[in-house]
Each structure stands twice: as structure tokens, then as C-alpha cells.
Amino acid sequence: MAEILNLNRARKAKTKADAKVQAVENRAKFGRTKGDKALETARAEKLKRELDGARRESQDETGE
């Protein structure tokens, strides 16, 4: 005799499995490592410091 199958549960399980596969593919395609994120942050901070260091000071409070 065949086992009774709940179609709602089977549909949800398939959807969940498909989502997991998609998540793995997206992590491989779009993901960045911790080192990549740290490097990008460090570069942005360095650029900001360099720009702030080269900023000209205004003569008065109006900025002229």
C-alpha cells in the first residue's frame, strides 16, 4: 500500500529546497568575502581622509 502524501507539505518542501539552491548560487555569484569587505571599507576611509586633508579652509563663516 502506498504512503499517504500531503500535497501542501510536498509543495512547500520543494519550494524550500529550490530556495536553498538559489541562495547557494547567489552566494557564489554575488557574495564577497570578509576580507573583500574590509579592504573596500579601508580604501573608502583612506580616500575620505585624503579628500578631507586636501580641503581648503574658508576665510569666513559664509564659506566665501
Protein backbone atom coordinates (compact mmCIF):
# COMPACT_ATOMS: atom_id res chain seq x y z
CA MET A 1 0.00 0.00 0.00
CA ALA A 2 1.27 3.47 -0.86
CA GLU A 3 2.09 6.06 1.75
CA ILE A 4 -0.34 8.96 2.01
CA LEU A 5 1.27 12.16 0.74
CA ASN A 6 0.23 15.63 1.86
CA LEU A 7 0.50 17.72 -1.31
CA ASN A 8 0.72 21.03 0.54
CA ARG A 9 3.66 19.79 2.60
CA ALA A 10 5.37 18.36 -0.50
CA ARG A 11 4.91 21.62 -2.42
CA LYS A 12 6.33 23.68 0.44
CA ALA A 13 9.29 21.33 0.84
CA LYS A 14 10.09 21.60 -2.87
CA THR A 15 9.85 25.40 -2.74
CA LYS A 16 12.15 25.50 0.27
CA ALA A 17 14.69 23.22 -1.42
CA ASP A 18 14.63 25.36 -4.57
CA ALA A 19 15.18 28.50 -2.49
CA LYS A 20 18.20 26.90 -0.80
CA VAL A 21 19.73 26.04 -4.18
CA GLN A 22 19.13 29.59 -5.40
CA ALA A 23 20.71 31.01 -2.23
CA VAL A 24 23.85 28.91 -2.73
CA GLU A 25 24.12 30.08 -6.34
CA ASN A 26 23.65 33.72 -5.32
CA ARG A 27 26.30 33.47 -2.59
CA ALA A 28 28.78 32.10 -5.11
CA LYS A 29 27.87 34.67 -7.76
CA PHE A 30 27.40 37.88 -5.75
CA GLY A 31 28.94 37.21 -2.35
CA ARG A 32 32.01 38.98 -1.07
CA THR A 33 34.41 37.59 1.47
CA LYS A 34 35.07 39.27 4.78
CA GLY A 35 38.48 40.34 3.51
CA ASP A 36 36.97 41.95 0.42
CA LYS A 37 34.53 43.95 2.55
CA ALA A 38 37.30 45.07 4.92
CA LEU A 39 39.53 46.10 2.01
CA GLU A 40 36.75 48.15 0.42
CA THR A 41 36.00 49.86 3.74
CA ALA A 42 39.69 50.65 4.30
CA ARG A 43 40.03 52.11 0.81
CA ALA A 44 36.95 54.30 1.29
CA GLU A 45 38.25 55.57 4.64
CA LYS A 46 41.66 56.36 3.14
CA LEU A 47 40.07 58.25 0.26
CA LYS A 48 37.89 60.23 2.69
CA ARG A 49 40.92 61.15 4.82
CA GLU A 50 42.88 62.25 1.74
CA LEU A 51 40.00 64.39 0.49
CA ASP A 52 39.44 65.95 3.91
CA GLY A 53 43.17 66.65 4.20
CA ALA A 54 43.19 68.48 0.86
CA ARG A 55 40.12 70.56 1.70
CA ARG A 56 40.66 74.30 1.61
CA GLU A 57 39.66 76.29 4.65
CA SER A 58 37.27 79.18 4.10
CA GLN A 59 38.17 82.78 5.00
CA ASP A 60 34.99 83.48 6.94
CA GLU A 61 31.93 81.63 8.15
CA THR A 62 29.95 82.17 4.94
CA GLY A 63 32.33 79.92 3.01
CA GLU A 64 33.50 82.65 0.63
